[in-house]
Amino acid sequence: MVGNLIGLWILYFLGMVLAVWGLGSLGFLDGAFWAILAAAGFLAFMTCIYIKLTELHAKQKDIEKKLDALLAQQPSPVPDELEPSSSDKLQD
């Protein structure tokens, strides 16, 4: 996860630098380096969380499939006939 965070942070940072550099050359932004750095870190962190949650969801689905397969293999329980049936109650 740390490798993903660092790689995504660099990717987002470079993308934001290019965008802000273009806007700065037009005179819209000046001195926004620290804001770009923080925004790139935040976006990288949120993307890593999304990736991790997606992996966990896939693992959960896999475990559910395995449990369903195990339950399908298990024989159905035989009901106990400790109580008299309804037809026996009517005859009494």
Protein backbone atom coordinates (compact mmCIF):
# COMPACT_ATOMS: atom_id res chain seq x y z
CA MET A 1 0.00 0.00 0.00
CA VAL A 2 2.88 2.36 0.72
CA GLY A 3 4.26 1.77 -2.76
CA ASN A 4 0.87 2.58 -4.26
CA LEU A 5 0.65 5.73 -2.13
CA ILE A 6 4.07 6.99 -3.21
CA GLY A 7 3.53 6.16 -6.87
CA LEU A 8 0.09 7.73 -6.99
CA TRP A 9 1.31 10.80 -5.09
CA ILE A 10 4.05 11.35 -7.67
CA LEU A 11 1.60 10.81 -10.53
CA TYR A 12 -0.98 13.22 -9.10
CA PHE A 13 1.70 15.73 -8.17
CA LEU A 14 3.11 15.81 -11.69
CA GLY A 15 -0.36 16.15 -13.17
CA MET A 16 -1.21 19.01 -10.84
CA VAL A 17 2.11 20.74 -11.49
CA LEU A 18 1.40 20.68 -15.19
CA ALA A 19 -2.14 22.00 -14.68
CA VAL A 20 -1.09 24.76 -12.28
CA TRP A 21 1.92 25.67 -14.39
CA GLY A 22 -0.41 26.17 -17.33
CA LEU A 23 -2.79 28.26 -15.25
CA GLY A 24 0.12 30.18 -13.70
CA SER A 25 1.51 31.04 -17.09
CA LEU A 26 -1.85 32.57 -17.90
CA GLY A 27 -1.65 34.62 -14.69
CA PHE A 28 -4.41 32.80 -12.76
CA LEU A 29 -2.31 31.25 -9.99
CA ASP A 30 0.86 32.31 -8.22
CA GLY A 31 2.77 30.46 -5.47
CA ALA A 32 0.51 27.46 -5.15
CA PHE A 33 3.25 24.84 -4.70
CA TRP A 34 2.29 23.80 -1.15
CA ALA A 35 -1.37 23.59 -2.05
CA ILE A 36 -0.50 21.36 -5.00
CA LEU A 37 1.68 19.17 -2.78
CA ALA A 38 -1.09 18.76 -0.20
CA ALA A 39 -3.81 18.13 -2.77
CA ALA A 40 -1.70 15.51 -4.55
CA GLY A 41 -1.04 13.73 -1.25
CA PHE A 42 -4.72 13.78 -0.33
CA LEU A 43 -5.81 12.42 -3.72
CA ALA A 44 -3.16 9.68 -3.57
CA PHE A 45 -4.27 8.70 -0.06
CA MET A 46 -7.94 8.55 -1.04
CA THR A 47 -7.12 6.48 -4.14
CA CYS A 48 -5.13 4.02 -2.01
CA ILE A 49 -8.07 3.66 0.36
CA TYR A 50 -10.36 2.98 -2.59
CA ILE A 51 -7.97 0.35 -3.96
CA LYS A 52 -7.73 -1.35 -0.55
CA LEU A 53 -11.51 -1.37 -0.10
CA THR A 54 -11.95 -2.86 -3.57
CA GLU A 55 -9.47 -5.63 -2.70
CA LEU A 56 -11.28 -6.34 0.58
CA HIS A 57 -14.62 -6.49 -1.20
CA ALA A 58 -13.24 -9.00 -3.70
CA LYS A 59 -11.87 -11.16 -0.85
CA GLN A 60 -15.24 -11.01 0.91
CA LYS A 61 -17.05 -12.17 -2.25
CA ASP A 62 -14.54 -15.02 -2.64
CA ILE A 63 -15.07 -16.15 0.95
CA GLU A 64 -18.86 -15.99 0.50
CA LYS A 65 -18.62 -18.22 -2.59
CA LYS A 66 -16.47 -20.73 -0.71
CA LEU A 67 -18.92 -20.79 2.21
CA ASP A 68 -21.86 -21.30 -0.14
CA ALA A 69 -20.04 -24.21 -1.78
CA LEU A 70 -19.32 -25.77 1.63
CA LEU A 71 -22.93 -25.38 2.73
CA ALA A 72 -24.14 -26.96 -0.50
CA GLN A 73 -21.93 -30.01 0.16
CA GLN A 74 -23.25 -30.46 3.69
CA PRO A 75 -26.16 -32.94 3.97
CA SER A 76 -29.46 -31.53 5.15
CA PRO A 77 -30.27 -32.30 8.79
CA VAL A 78 -32.97 -34.89 9.52
CA PRO A 79 -35.81 -33.35 11.54
CA ASP A 80 -36.42 -34.88 14.96
CA GLU A 81 -39.92 -36.26 15.51
CA LEU A 82 -40.18 -35.72 19.23
CA GLU A 83 -43.53 -33.94 19.02
CA PRO A 84 -46.59 -35.78 17.73
CA SER A 85 -47.70 -34.77 14.28
CA SER A 86 -50.81 -32.66 13.71
CA SER A 87 -52.84 -35.70 12.50
CA ASP A 88 -52.09 -37.49 15.81
CA LYS A 89 -53.32 -34.47 17.76
CA LEU A 90 -56.62 -34.47 15.90
CA GLN A 91 -57.23 -38.15 16.67
CA ASP A 92 -56.89 -37.66 20.46
